[in-house]
Amino acid sequence: MQIKVLSYNIHRAIGVDRRFRPERIVAVLEHHRADIVFLQEVDVGVPRSRELDLAEVMAKTLDYPYYALGLNVKVKQGHYGNATLSRFPITAHRNIDLTVDSRKKRGCLYTAIPLPTADGGSREMAAFNLHLGLSTQERIRQVGMLVRSAPYAALSPEQPCLVGGDFNDWRTLLAPIFIDILDFSCATNRKTGQQEPLQTYPSFSPTGGLDKIFCRGGIEILTGRRCKLRISMVASDHLPVIAELKLP
């Protein structure tokens, strides 16, 4: 079966024009109609975003029957974190704390998503939606924390698995860890087999490939691209990345 996966740092639905316009994020997501969506910087109960639960708003507006939320940062009023939307059931979820020492709170939202198989059964896919820190050493430690976490450590190498989100990895230093050590493939490179990430930040003139989707467990990459909609250049400070995948 084929699925479409999208990862998008929505910057709390505040665009590069500093206006809170969730309808622009909705328009981008509606255009791509992905089966599984990884969102980062999702506000819940924060005044700057009208105290809305943006995960719930996105899920209901776009008719995603299932979603999970992992809140990482507490602000004066409300929180923000990561959200995963799915057209398939989410049977388990857990927020993995990736905070390093006294640095800003960071996290990875794990979800278990059973996908239908040709024989009428299902096969569980593990999906990890993360937002990593701003320093190189912090990010490397956070990958180690992810790998040692209970949801990841319980996986077999054959189990379908996705890791996506905002890696904040300007120099593409994490890709060799995922590809050469953890046996993932990257769906968001410019060319297959090369560590040349699609550039997604800043959205109006991207120079950094911060947003990525990795996969393993027999998942075949069909296509990977970044969004080219004009509205996406202002809706957030990041562009979303989209991968079409074929599952074993």
C-alpha atoms as a PDB file:
ATOM      1  CA  MET A   1       0.000   0.000   0.000  1.00  0.00           C
ATOM      2  CA  GLN A   2       1.035   3.590  -0.567  1.00  0.00           C
ATOM      3  CA  ILE A   3       0.784   6.423   1.921  1.00  0.00           C
ATOM      4  CA  LYS A   4       1.593  10.126   1.874  1.00  0.00           C
ATOM      5  CA  VAL A   5       3.396  11.653   4.864  1.00  0.00           C
ATOM      6  CA  LEU A   6       3.873  15.370   5.505  1.00  0.00           C
ATOM      7  CA  SER A   7       5.982  17.171   8.112  1.00  0.00           C
ATOM      8  CA  TYR A   8       5.433  20.856   8.871  1.00  0.00           C
ATOM      9  CA  ASN A   9       6.660  23.270  11.520  1.00  0.00           C
ATOM     10  CA  ILE A  10       3.606  25.538  11.528  1.00  0.00           C
ATOM     11  CA  HIS A  11       5.168  28.242  13.767  1.00  0.00           C
ATOM     12  CA  ARG A  12       1.965  28.359  15.849  1.00  0.00           C
ATOM     13  CA  ALA A  13       0.083  29.378  12.657  1.00  0.00           C
ATOM     14  CA  ILE A  14       1.773  32.780  12.839  1.00  0.00           C
ATOM     15  CA  GLY A  15       3.144  33.639   9.412  1.00  0.00           C
ATOM     16  CA  VAL A  16       6.225  35.572   8.399  1.00  0.00           C
ATOM     17  CA  ASP A  17       3.945  38.626   8.299  1.00  0.00           C
ATOM     18  CA  ARG A  18       3.443  38.070  12.072  1.00  0.00           C
ATOM     19  CA  ARG A  19      -0.269  37.438  11.640  1.00  0.00           C
ATOM     20  CA  PHE A  20      -2.093  34.526  13.238  1.00  0.00           C
ATOM     21  CA  ARG A  21      -3.834  32.892  10.294  1.00  0.00           C
ATOM     22  CA  PRO A  22      -4.575  29.177  10.910  1.00  0.00           C
ATOM     23  CA  GLU A  23      -6.641  29.118   7.725  1.00  0.00           C
ATOM     24  CA  ARG A  24      -3.403  29.427   5.723  1.00  0.00           C
ATOM     25  CA  ILE A  25      -1.981  26.314   7.390  1.00  0.00           C
ATOM     26  CA  VAL A  26      -5.276  24.536   6.719  1.00  0.00           C
ATOM     27  CA  ALA A  27      -5.082  25.512   3.031  1.00  0.00           C
ATOM     28  CA  VAL A  28      -1.581  24.070   2.713  1.00  0.00           C
ATOM     29  CA  LEU A  29      -2.528  20.815   4.432  1.00  0.00           C
ATOM     30  CA  GLU A  30      -5.775  20.519   2.499  1.00  0.00           C
ATOM     31  CA  HIS A  31      -3.898  20.857  -0.788  1.00  0.00           C
ATOM     32  CA  HIS A  32      -1.561  17.943  -0.033  1.00  0.00           C
ATOM     33  CA  ARG A  33      -4.093  15.689   1.739  1.00  0.00           C
ATOM     34  CA  ALA A  34      -1.466  13.530   3.421  1.00  0.00           C
ATOM     35  CA  ASP A  35      -2.440  10.352   5.251  1.00  0.00           C
ATOM     36  CA  ILE A  36      -0.143  11.104   8.193  1.00  0.00           C
ATOM     37  CA  VAL A  37       0.859  14.631   9.227  1.00  0.00           C
ATOM     38  CA  PHE A  38       3.642  15.603  11.633  1.00  0.00           C
ATOM     39  CA  LEU A  39       3.178  19.133  12.991  1.00  0.00           C
ATOM     40  CA  GLN A  40       5.592  21.073  15.211  1.00  0.00           C
ATOM     41  CA  GLU A  41       5.127  24.284  17.227  1.00  0.00           C
ATOM     42  CA  VAL A  42       1.442  23.607  17.855  1.00  0.00           C
ATOM     43  CA  ASP A  43      -0.162  25.934  20.431  1.00  0.00           C
ATOM     44  CA  VAL A  44      -2.742  24.857  22.989  1.00  0.00           C
ATOM     45  CA  GLY A  45      -4.419  27.509  25.135  1.00  0.00           C
ATOM     46  CA  VAL A  46      -1.973  30.317  24.316  1.00  0.00           C
ATOM     47  CA  PRO A  47      -3.306  33.899  23.941  1.00  0.00           C
ATOM     48  CA  ARG A  48      -1.246  34.588  20.781  1.00  0.00           C
ATOM     49  CA  SER A  49      -3.299  31.871  19.038  1.00  0.00           C
ATOM     50  CA  ARG A  50      -6.668  32.854  20.559  1.00  0.00           C
ATOM     51  CA  GLU A  51      -6.252  30.171  23.243  1.00  0.00           C
ATOM     52  CA  LEU A  52      -7.206  27.532  20.670  1.00  0.00           C
ATOM     53  CA  ASP A  53      -6.157  23.896  20.701  1.00  0.00           C
ATOM     54  CA  LEU A  54      -4.538  24.035  17.275  1.00  0.00           C
ATOM     55  CA  ALA A  55      -4.146  20.241  17.064  1.00  0.00           C
ATOM     56  CA  GLU A  56      -7.876  19.779  17.545  1.00  0.00           C
ATOM     57  CA  VAL A  57      -8.696  22.616  15.168  1.00  0.00           C
ATOM     58  CA  MET A  58      -6.518  21.161  12.399  1.00  0.00           C
ATOM     59  CA  ALA A  59      -7.826  17.626  12.901  1.00  0.00           C
ATOM     60  CA  LYS A  60     -11.487  18.620  12.881  1.00  0.00           C
ATOM     61  CA  THR A  61     -11.239  21.160  10.065  1.00  0.00           C
ATOM     62  CA  LEU A  62      -9.357  18.736   7.812  1.00  0.00           C
ATOM     63  CA  ASP A  63     -11.422  15.655   8.774  1.00  0.00           C
ATOM     64  CA  TYR A  64      -8.601  13.665  10.340  1.00  0.00           C
ATOM     65  CA  PRO A  65     -10.394  11.136  12.561  1.00  0.00           C
ATOM     66  CA  TYR A  66      -7.329  10.494  14.721  1.00  0.00           C
ATOM     67  CA  TYR A  67      -4.726  12.753  16.267  1.00  0.00           C
ATOM     68  CA  ALA A  68      -2.287  12.794  19.157  1.00  0.00           C
ATOM     69  CA  LEU A  69      -0.625  15.678  20.953  1.00  0.00           C
ATOM     70  CA  GLY A  70       2.670  15.964  22.814  1.00  0.00           C
ATOM     71  CA  LEU A  71       3.137  19.205  24.748  1.00  0.00           C
ATOM     72  CA  ASN A  72       6.728  20.201  25.469  1.00  0.00           C
ATOM     73  CA  VAL A  73       6.966  23.888  26.369  1.00  0.00           C
ATOM     74  CA  LYS A  74       4.895  25.661  29.025  1.00  0.00           C
ATOM     75  CA  VAL A  75       4.500  29.393  28.466  1.00  0.00           C
ATOM     76  CA  LYS A  76       2.906  31.964  30.786  1.00  0.00           C
ATOM     77  CA  GLN A  77      -0.504  30.756  29.661  1.00  0.00           C
ATOM     78  CA  GLY A  78      -0.824  27.501  27.754  1.00  0.00           C
ATOM     79  CA  HIS A  79       1.633  25.119  26.097  1.00  0.00           C
ATOM     80  CA  TYR A  80       3.014  24.187  22.720  1.00  0.00           C
ATOM     81  CA  GLY A  81       4.517  21.052  21.215  1.00  0.00           C
ATOM     82  CA  ASN A  82       4.041  18.470  18.462  1.00  0.00           C
ATOM     83  CA  ALA A  83       0.886  16.946  16.987  1.00  0.00           C
ATOM     84  CA  THR A  84       0.365  13.971  14.688  1.00  0.00           C
ATOM     85  CA  LEU A  85      -2.768  13.731  12.529  1.00  0.00           C
ATOM     86  CA  SER A  86      -3.743  10.432  10.928  1.00  0.00           C
ATOM     87  CA  ARG A  87      -6.350   8.937   8.656  1.00  0.00           C
ATOM     88  CA  PHE A  88      -5.531   5.588  10.261  1.00  0.00           C
ATOM     89  CA  PRO A  89      -6.186   4.649  13.901  1.00  0.00           C
ATOM     90  CA  ILE A  90      -3.661   5.647  16.529  1.00  0.00           C
ATOM     91  CA  THR A  91      -3.592   2.790  19.013  1.00  0.00           C
ATOM     92  CA  ALA A  92      -0.896   4.147  21.338  1.00  0.00           C
ATOM     93  CA  HIS A  93       0.977   7.364  21.854  1.00  0.00           C
ATOM     94  CA  ARG A  94       3.611   8.722  24.185  1.00  0.00           C
ATOM     95  CA  ASN A  95       5.552  11.958  24.439  1.00  0.00           C
ATOM     96  CA  ILE A  96       9.289  11.296  24.788  1.00  0.00           C
ATOM     97  CA  ASP A  97      11.192  13.979  26.682  1.00  0.00           C
ATOM     98  CA  LEU A  98      14.283  15.039  24.729  1.00  0.00           C
ATOM     99  CA  THR A  99      15.255  17.943  26.972  1.00  0.00           C
ATOM    100  CA  VAL A 100      19.005  18.228  27.505  1.00  0.00           C
ATOM    101  CA  ASP A 101      20.106  19.620  30.875  1.00  0.00           C
ATOM    102  CA  SER A 102      18.645  23.099  31.456  1.00  0.00           C
ATOM    103  CA  ARG A 103      18.076  23.874  27.794  1.00  0.00           C
ATOM    104  CA  LYS A 104      14.685  24.615  26.269  1.00  0.00           C
ATOM    105  CA  LYS A 105      12.162  21.777  26.593  1.00  0.00           C
ATOM    106  CA  ARG A 106      12.104  19.506  23.557  1.00  0.00           C
ATOM    107  CA  GLY A 107      10.185  16.347  22.753  1.00  0.00           C
ATOM    108  CA  CYS A 108       9.282  13.597  20.330  1.00  0.00           C
ATOM    109  CA  LEU A 109       5.722  12.350  19.949  1.00  0.00           C
ATOM    110  CA  TYR A 110       5.537   8.575  19.377  1.00  0.00           C
ATOM    111  CA  THR A 111       2.424   7.070  17.823  1.00  0.00           C
ATOM    112  CA  ALA A 112       1.587   3.476  16.931  1.00  0.00           C
ATOM    113  CA  ILE A 113      -0.415   3.354  13.691  1.00  0.00           C
ATOM    114  CA  PRO A 114      -1.749   0.006  12.389  1.00  0.00           C
ATOM    115  CA  LEU A 115      -1.989   0.008   8.597  1.00  0.00           C
ATOM    116  CA  PRO A 116      -4.174  -2.407   6.607  1.00  0.00           C
ATOM    117  CA  THR A 117      -2.490  -5.266   4.753  1.00  0.00           C
ATOM    118  CA  ALA A 118      -3.519  -7.060   1.572  1.00  0.00           C
ATOM    119  CA  ASP A 119      -4.723 -10.137   3.478  1.00  0.00           C
ATOM    120  CA  GLY A 120      -7.269  -8.106   5.437  1.00  0.00           C
ATOM    121  CA  GLY A 121      -5.138  -7.791   8.549  1.00  0.00           C
ATOM    122  CA  SER A 122      -2.943  -4.944   9.728  1.00  0.00           C
ATOM    123  CA  ARG A 123       0.695  -4.187  10.431  1.00  0.00           C
ATOM    124  CA  GLU A 124       1.781  -1.633  12.990  1.00  0.00           C
ATOM    125  CA  MET A 125       3.941   1.278  11.936  1.00  0.00           C
ATOM    126  CA  ALA A 126       5.837   3.316  14.505  1.00  0.00           C
ATOM    127  CA  ALA A 127       5.869   7.079  13.871  1.00  0.00           C
ATOM    128  CA  PHE A 128       8.127   9.541  15.702  1.00  0.00           C
ATOM    129  CA  ASN A 129       7.410  13.269  15.329  1.00  0.00           C
ATOM    130  CA  LEU A 130      10.209  15.380  16.796  1.00  0.00           C
ATOM    131  CA  HIS A 131      11.553  18.901  17.203  1.00  0.00           C
ATOM    132  CA  LEU A 132      15.246  19.024  18.081  1.00  0.00           C
ATOM    133  CA  GLY A 133      17.385  21.703  19.712  1.00  0.00           C
ATOM    134  CA  LEU A 134      19.494  24.517  18.329  1.00  0.00           C
ATOM    135  CA  SER A 135      23.043  23.311  19.098  1.00  0.00           C
ATOM    136  CA  THR A 136      24.917  20.474  17.394  1.00  0.00           C
ATOM    137  CA  GLN A 137      25.845  18.613  20.583  1.00  0.00           C
ATOM    138  CA  GLU A 138      22.317  19.002  21.927  1.00  0.00           C
ATOM    139  CA  ARG A 139      20.853  17.406  18.803  1.00  0.00           C
ATOM    140  CA  ILE A 140      23.290  14.498  18.860  1.00  0.00           C
ATOM    141  CA  ARG A 141      22.407  13.781  22.480  1.00  0.00           C
ATOM    142  CA  GLN A 142      18.709  14.015  21.637  1.00  0.00           C
ATOM    143  CA  VAL A 143      19.056  11.344  18.955  1.00  0.00           C
ATOM    144  CA  GLY A 144      20.676   9.146  21.589  1.00  0.00           C
ATOM    145  CA  MET A 145      17.782   9.823  23.974  1.00  0.00           C
ATOM    146  CA  LEU A 146      15.307   8.883  21.251  1.00  0.00           C
ATOM    147  CA  VAL A 147      17.104   5.629  20.442  1.00  0.00           C
ATOM    148  CA  ARG A 148      17.212   4.661  24.136  1.00  0.00           C
ATOM    149  CA  SER A 149      13.535   5.486  24.728  1.00  0.00           C
ATOM    150  CA  ALA A 150      11.197   2.575  25.435  1.00  0.00           C
ATOM    151  CA  PRO A 151       9.024   2.971  22.285  1.00  0.00           C
ATOM    152  CA  TYR A 152      12.044   3.020  19.981  1.00  0.00           C
ATOM    153  CA  ALA A 153      14.063   0.350  21.808  1.00  0.00           C
ATOM    154  CA  ALA A 154      11.124  -2.057  21.527  1.00  0.00           C
ATOM    155  CA  LEU A 155      11.126  -1.942  17.716  1.00  0.00           C
ATOM    156  CA  SER A 156      12.556  -4.685  15.554  1.00  0.00           C
ATOM    157  CA  PRO A 157      14.614  -3.608  12.506  1.00  0.00           C
ATOM    158  CA  GLU A 158      11.904  -5.083  10.260  1.00  0.00           C
ATOM    159  CA  GLN A 159       9.045  -3.034  11.703  1.00  0.00           C
ATOM    160  CA  PRO A 160       7.961  -0.112   9.511  1.00  0.00           C
ATOM    161  CA  CYS A 161       9.098   3.098  11.153  1.00  0.00           C
ATOM    162  CA  LEU A 162       9.003   6.824  10.387  1.00  0.00           C
ATOM    163  CA  VAL A 163      11.004   9.594  12.024  1.00  0.00           C
ATOM    164  CA  GLY A 164      10.127  13.099  10.889  1.00  0.00           C
ATOM    165  CA  GLY A 165       9.994  16.673  12.036  1.00  0.00           C
ATOM    166  CA  ASP A 166      12.105  19.775  12.492  1.00  0.00           C
ATOM    167  CA  PHE A 167      15.663  18.544  13.040  1.00  0.00           C
ATOM    168  CA  ASN A 168      17.238  22.026  13.140  1.00  0.00           C
ATOM    169  CA  ASP A 169      20.198  20.317  11.453  1.00  0.00           C
ATOM    170  CA  TRP A 170      21.730  23.056   9.309  1.00  0.00           C
ATOM    171  CA  ARG A 171      24.860  21.112   8.360  1.00  0.00           C
ATOM    172  CA  THR A 172      23.137  17.727   7.839  1.00  0.00           C
ATOM    173  CA  LEU A 173      25.256  16.132  10.557  1.00  0.00           C
ATOM    174  CA  LEU A 174      22.476  13.839  11.810  1.00  0.00           C
ATOM    175  CA  ALA A 175      21.786  12.170   8.461  1.00  0.00           C
ATOM    176  CA  PRO A 176      24.806   9.805   8.681  1.00  0.00           C
ATOM    177  CA  ILE A 177      23.614   8.685  12.114  1.00  0.00           C
ATOM    178  CA  PHE A 178      20.163   7.814  10.823  1.00  0.00           C
ATOM    179  CA  ILE A 179      21.334   6.370   7.498  1.00  0.00           C
ATOM    180  CA  ASP A 180      24.644   4.642   8.251  1.00  0.00           C
ATOM    181  CA  ILE A 181      24.081   3.601  11.870  1.00  0.00           C
ATOM    182  CA  LEU A 182      20.321   3.300  12.371  1.00  0.00           C
ATOM    183  CA  ASP A 183      19.633   1.975   8.836  1.00  0.00           C
ATOM    184  CA  PHE A 184      17.081   4.591   7.776  1.00  0.00           C
ATOM    185  CA  SER A 185      16.587   6.104   4.335  1.00  0.00           C
ATOM    186  CA  CYS A 186      15.881   9.804   3.895  1.00  0.00           C
ATOM    187  CA  ALA A 187      12.815  10.726   1.834  1.00  0.00           C
ATOM    188  CA  THR A 188      13.615  14.436   1.778  1.00  0.00           C
ATOM    189  CA  ASN A 189      16.901  14.545  -0.109  1.00  0.00           C
ATOM    190  CA  ARG A 190      17.213  16.233  -3.469  1.00  0.00           C
ATOM    191  CA  LYS A 191      18.580  13.014  -4.980  1.00  0.00           C
ATOM    192  CA  THR A 192      18.209   9.425  -3.850  1.00  0.00           C
ATOM    193  CA  GLY A 193      21.160   8.211  -1.825  1.00  0.00           C
ATOM    194  CA  GLN A 194      22.722  11.643  -1.391  1.00  0.00           C
ATOM    195  CA  GLN A 195      22.722  13.804   1.717  1.00  0.00           C
ATOM    196  CA  GLU A 196      21.479  16.949  -0.011  1.00  0.00           C
ATOM    197  CA  PRO A 197      18.371  17.954   1.922  1.00  0.00           C
ATOM    198  CA  LEU A 198      15.435  19.820   0.464  1.00  0.00           C
ATOM    199  CA  GLN A 199      15.716  23.374   1.735  1.00  0.00           C
ATOM    200  CA  THR A 200      12.762  24.496   3.847  1.00  0.00           C
ATOM    201  CA  TYR A 201      13.881  27.430   6.014  1.00  0.00           C
ATOM    202  CA  PRO A 202      13.184  30.312   5.920  1.00  0.00           C
ATOM    203  CA  SER A 203      10.051  29.699   3.911  1.00  0.00           C
ATOM    204  CA  PHE A 204      10.258  32.861   1.779  1.00  0.00           C
ATOM    205  CA  SER A 205      13.850  32.125   0.656  1.00  0.00           C
ATOM    206  CA  PRO A 206      14.966  28.731   1.965  1.00  0.00           C
ATOM    207  CA  THR A 207      18.650  28.016   2.569  1.00  0.00           C
ATOM    208  CA  GLY A 208      18.437  25.361   5.311  1.00  0.00           C
ATOM    209  CA  GLY A 209      17.178  21.782   5.047  1.00  0.00           C
ATOM    210  CA  LEU A 210      15.802  21.563   8.580  1.00  0.00           C
ATOM    211  CA  ASP A 211      12.659  19.510   7.977  1.00  0.00           C
ATOM    212  CA  LYS A 212      13.116  15.827   7.185  1.00  0.00           C
ATOM    213  CA  ILE A 213      11.378  12.465   6.938  1.00  0.00           C
ATOM    214  CA  PHE A 214      13.318   9.219   7.491  1.00  0.00           C
ATOM    215  CA  CYS A 215      11.942   5.702   7.072  1.00  0.00           C
ATOM    216  CA  ARG A 216      13.005   2.069   7.470  1.00  0.00           C
ATOM    217  CA  GLY A 217      11.518  -1.403   7.893  1.00  0.00           C
ATOM    218  CA  GLY A 218      11.001  -2.189   4.219  1.00  0.00           C
ATOM    219  CA  ILE A 219       9.384   1.145   3.363  1.00  0.00           C
ATOM    220  CA  GLU A 220      10.150   2.207  -0.205  1.00  0.00           C
ATOM    221  CA  ILE A 221      10.487   5.908  -1.030  1.00  0.00           C
ATOM    222  CA  LEU A 222       8.523   6.807  -4.159  1.00  0.00           C
ATOM    223  CA  THR A 223       8.839  10.600  -4.078  1.00  0.00           C
ATOM    224  CA  GLY A 224       9.966  13.340  -1.739  1.00  0.00           C
ATOM    225  CA  ARG A 225       9.435  17.059  -2.225  1.00  0.00           C
ATOM    226  CA  ARG A 226       8.860  20.351  -0.485  1.00  0.00           C
ATOM    227  CA  CYS A 227       5.712  22.420  -0.823  1.00  0.00           C
ATOM    228  CA  LYS A 228       5.734  24.974  -3.645  1.00  0.00           C
ATOM    229  CA  LEU A 229       2.434  26.709  -2.932  1.00  0.00           C
ATOM    230  CA  ARG A 230       2.750  30.476  -2.856  1.00  0.00           C
ATOM    231  CA  ILE A 231       0.743  30.663   0.371  1.00  0.00           C
ATOM    232  CA  SER A 232       3.268  28.409   2.117  1.00  0.00           C
ATOM    233  CA  MET A 233       5.930  31.096   1.706  1.00  0.00           C
ATOM    234  CA  VAL A 234       4.059  33.269   4.232  1.00  0.00           C
ATOM    235  CA  ALA A 235       1.923  30.829   6.277  1.00  0.00           C
ATOM    236  CA  SER A 236       4.879  29.774   8.475  1.00  0.00           C
ATOM    237  CA  ASP A 237       8.618  30.366   8.602  1.00  0.00           C
ATOM    238  CA  HIS A 238       9.133  26.748   7.440  1.00  0.00           C
ATOM    239  CA  LEU A 239       7.992  24.964   4.288  1.00  0.00           C
ATOM    240  CA  PRO A 240       6.441  21.519   4.689  1.00  0.00           C
ATOM    241  CA  VAL A 241       8.042  18.415   3.209  1.00  0.00           C
ATOM    242  CA  ILE A 242       5.992  15.619   1.650  1.00  0.00           C
ATOM    243  CA  ALA A 243       6.933  11.982   1.033  1.00  0.00           C
ATOM    244  CA  GLU A 244       5.035   9.319  -0.865  1.00  0.00           C
ATOM    245  CA  LEU A 245       5.943   5.904   0.469  1.00  0.00           C
ATOM    246  CA  LYS A 246       5.201   2.277  -0.354  1.00  0.00           C
ATOM    247  CA  LEU A 247       4.884  -0.088   2.563  1.00  0.00           C
ATOM    248  CA  PRO A 248       5.879  -3.756   2.481  1.00  0.00           C
END
